[in-house]
Protein backbone atom coordinates (compact mmCIF):
# COMPACT_ATOMS: atom_id res chain seq x y z
CA MET A 1 -6.86 7.91 13.43
CA GLY A 2 -7.60 7.03 9.80
CA ILE A 3 -4.40 8.36 8.24
CA PRO A 4 -2.05 6.50 10.64
CA LEU A 5 -3.94 3.29 9.84
CA TRP A 6 -3.48 3.89 6.12
CA LEU A 7 0.24 4.43 6.70
CA ALA A 8 0.44 1.27 8.79
CA SER A 9 -1.40 -0.60 6.05
CA GLY A 10 1.11 0.56 3.43
CA ILE A 11 4.07 -0.38 5.60
CA ALA A 12 2.53 -3.77 6.37
CA ALA A 13 1.98 -4.39 2.65
CA TRP A 14 5.61 -3.50 1.98
CA ALA A 15 6.83 -5.82 4.76
CA LEU A 16 4.66 -8.65 3.47
CA ALA A 17 5.92 -8.12 -0.08
CA ARG A 18 9.54 -8.24 1.10
CA ILE A 19 9.00 -11.86 2.18
CA VAL A 20 8.40 -12.95 -1.42
CA PRO A 21 11.83 -13.15 -3.12
CA PRO A 22 11.02 -13.79 -6.83
CA GLY A 23 11.24 -10.65 -8.89
CA ARG A 24 12.46 -8.63 -5.93
CA ARG A 25 14.90 -5.91 -6.79
CA PRO A 26 17.37 -4.43 -4.33
CA GLY A 27 15.43 -1.12 -4.41
CA TRP A 28 13.56 -1.61 -1.14
CA LEU A 29 13.29 2.13 -0.49
CA ALA A 30 11.47 2.74 -3.78
CA GLU A 31 9.02 -0.04 -2.92
CA LEU A 32 8.44 1.43 0.53
CA ILE A 33 7.76 4.91 -0.85
CA LEU A 34 5.49 3.51 -3.56
CA SER A 35 3.57 1.40 -1.06
CA VAL A 36 3.04 4.24 1.42
CA LEU A 37 2.01 6.73 -1.26
CA THR A 38 -0.43 4.24 -2.76
CA ALA A 39 -1.92 3.48 0.65
CA LEU A 40 -2.40 7.18 1.35
CA LEU A 41 -3.99 7.77 -2.04
CA LEU A 42 -6.33 4.80 -1.69
CA GLY A 43 -7.19 5.85 1.86
CA ALA A 44 -8.30 9.20 0.48
CA VAL A 45 -10.30 7.39 -2.22
CA ALA A 46 -11.91 5.26 0.50
CA THR A 47 -12.86 8.45 2.31
CA ALA A 48 -14.43 9.79 -0.88
CA MET A 49 -16.39 6.54 -1.22
CA ASP A 50 -17.65 7.16 2.32
CA PHE A 51 -16.04 4.36 4.25
CA GLY A 52 -13.54 5.52 6.80
CA GLY A 53 -12.27 9.04 7.03
CA TRP A 54 -9.36 11.25 7.99
CA GLN A 55 -10.03 10.93 11.70
CA GLU A 56 -12.31 7.91 11.67
CA PRO A 57 -10.85 4.38 11.59
CA ASP A 58 -12.64 1.85 9.44
CA TRP A 59 -11.44 -1.64 8.63
CA ARG A 60 -12.69 -1.40 5.04
CA ALA A 61 -10.45 1.59 4.30
CA VAL A 62 -7.45 -0.20 5.82
CA VAL A 63 -8.05 -3.32 3.75
CA PHE A 64 -8.64 -1.23 0.62
CA ALA A 65 -5.38 0.66 1.12
CA GLY A 66 -3.39 -2.47 2.00
CA VAL A 67 -4.58 -4.58 -0.90
CA GLY A 68 -4.05 -1.68 -3.28
CA ALA A 69 -0.51 -1.20 -2.00
CA LEU A 70 0.22 -4.91 -2.46
CA GLY A 71 -1.13 -4.76 -5.99
CA THR A 72 0.99 -1.74 -6.80
CA ILE A 73 4.13 -3.47 -5.55
CA GLY A 74 3.24 -6.50 -7.68
CA VAL A 75 2.83 -4.36 -10.79
CA TRP A 76 6.08 -2.53 -9.97
CA ARG A 77 7.97 -5.82 -9.71
CA ALA A 78 6.38 -7.24 -12.87
CA LEU A 79 7.29 -4.18 -14.91
CA SER A 80 10.82 -3.99 -13.52
CA ALA A 81 11.47 -7.70 -14.14
CA ARG A 82 10.91 -7.24 -17.87
CA GLN A 83 14.09 -5.18 -18.22
């Protein structure tokens, strides 16, 4: 149950970031992939830090993955806006 929650957290972060138009590039698929991969990676890090788990849902892991995915999208947009 933990991994689907991490995926949902990454997709929710992507959907929330799509609402904010400034700095948004047309590459929505790249942002989605980046968000989901970041959420999965941070979910695994949350498991290593002993909150949550692969099969064990925990709200702290979901928040950790979601906020990390939002931050990654923000950095992605900031770096791509410089070009």
